Amino acid sequence: MLAVRVIPRARKTEIAGTREDALLVRLAAPPVEGAANEALIEFLADRLHVARRAVRIVSGERGRAKRVAVSGVTAQQILARL
């Protein structure tokens, strides 16, 4: 599990460090009709070099604080790739 804090409508999509023990991700997508969630999944899949279907939002779909599950990689691999 990966704790993620998102900031939608940012200038560009990027990792911006950590906040409150969670990975801080700025997303260019707006938080409308799941666009930010889709952008987060796409961004994390690309950064972690896994298929899009391997990244899943477990909780927090409607909030900024999310828990994301990534299958096919270990926690150490996630930290190394981010």
Protein backbone atom coordinates (compact mmCIF):
# COMPACT_ATOMS: atom_id res chain seq x y z
CA MET A 1 0.00 0.00 0.00
CA LEU A 2 1.13 3.47 -0.84
CA ALA A 3 -0.25 6.55 0.92
CA VAL A 4 -0.71 9.38 -1.57
CA ARG A 5 -1.83 12.98 -1.13
CA VAL A 6 -2.95 14.62 -4.38
CA ILE A 7 -3.18 18.25 -5.41
CA PRO A 8 -5.41 18.52 -8.49
CA ARG A 9 -5.31 21.34 -11.05
CA ALA A 10 -1.56 21.83 -10.66
CA ARG A 11 0.54 23.40 -13.40
CA LYS A 12 2.01 20.00 -14.29
CA THR A 13 1.84 16.42 -13.07
CA GLU A 14 4.79 15.62 -10.83
CA ILE A 15 5.93 14.22 -7.50
CA ALA A 16 6.39 17.05 -5.03
CA GLY A 17 7.91 15.24 -2.03
CA THR A 18 6.02 14.01 0.99
CA ARG A 19 3.40 15.44 3.32
CA GLU A 20 2.12 13.81 6.51
CA ASP A 21 3.86 10.48 5.71
CA ALA A 22 2.28 10.35 2.25
CA LEU A 23 3.69 10.81 -1.22
CA LEU A 24 2.64 14.25 -2.50
CA VAL A 25 1.60 14.19 -6.16
CA ARG A 26 0.58 17.28 -8.10
CA LEU A 27 -1.87 16.46 -10.89
CA ALA A 28 -2.66 18.67 -13.87
CA ALA A 29 -6.10 17.03 -14.14
CA PRO A 30 -9.14 18.55 -12.40
CA PRO A 31 -11.01 16.61 -9.71
CA VAL A 32 -14.07 16.24 -11.94
CA GLU A 33 -15.72 12.93 -12.92
CA GLY A 34 -12.71 10.87 -11.84
CA ALA A 35 -10.23 12.66 -14.10
CA ALA A 36 -7.72 13.21 -11.28
CA ASN A 37 -7.95 9.56 -10.19
CA GLU A 38 -7.33 8.38 -13.76
CA ALA A 39 -4.39 10.78 -14.09
CA LEU A 40 -2.94 9.48 -10.82
CA ILE A 41 -3.21 5.84 -11.93
CA GLU A 42 -1.64 6.65 -15.29
CA PHE A 43 1.18 8.67 -13.72
CA LEU A 44 2.05 6.06 -11.08
CA ALA A 45 1.93 3.20 -13.60
CA ASP A 46 4.32 5.10 -15.85
CA ARG A 47 6.73 6.04 -13.03
CA LEU A 48 6.72 2.53 -11.54
CA HIS A 49 7.06 0.78 -14.92
CA VAL A 50 3.98 -1.40 -14.38
CA ALA A 51 0.80 -1.92 -16.36
CA ARG A 52 -2.05 0.48 -15.70
CA ARG A 53 -4.18 -2.39 -14.37
CA ALA A 54 -1.55 -3.07 -11.68
CA VAL A 55 -2.32 0.27 -9.98
CA ARG A 56 -5.57 0.51 -8.03
CA ILE A 57 -6.99 3.15 -5.67
CA VAL A 58 -8.08 1.23 -2.57
CA SER A 59 -9.53 4.14 -0.60
CA GLY A 60 -9.96 7.87 -0.91
CA GLU A 61 -11.45 8.05 -4.40
CA ARG A 62 -13.35 11.21 -3.51
CA GLY A 63 -10.71 12.88 -1.34
CA ARG A 64 -7.15 14.13 -1.60
CA ALA A 65 -5.74 11.48 0.74
CA LYS A 66 -5.64 8.12 -1.04
CA ARG A 67 -4.32 4.62 -0.48
CA VAL A 68 -3.01 3.00 -3.62
CA ALA A 69 -2.18 -0.66 -4.17
CA VAL A 70 0.44 -1.59 -6.74
CA SER A 71 0.77 -5.23 -7.72
CA GLY A 72 3.85 -6.77 -9.25
CA VAL A 73 6.44 -4.68 -7.39
CA THR A 74 7.84 -4.68 -3.87
CA ALA A 75 7.92 -1.71 -1.51
CA GLN A 76 11.67 -1.35 -2.09
CA GLN A 77 11.16 -1.25 -5.86
CA ILE A 78 8.49 1.41 -5.45
CA LEU A 79 10.79 3.61 -3.38
CA ALA A 80 13.65 3.17 -5.83
CA ARG A 81 11.50 4.08 -8.84
CA LEU A 82 9.89 7.13 -7.30
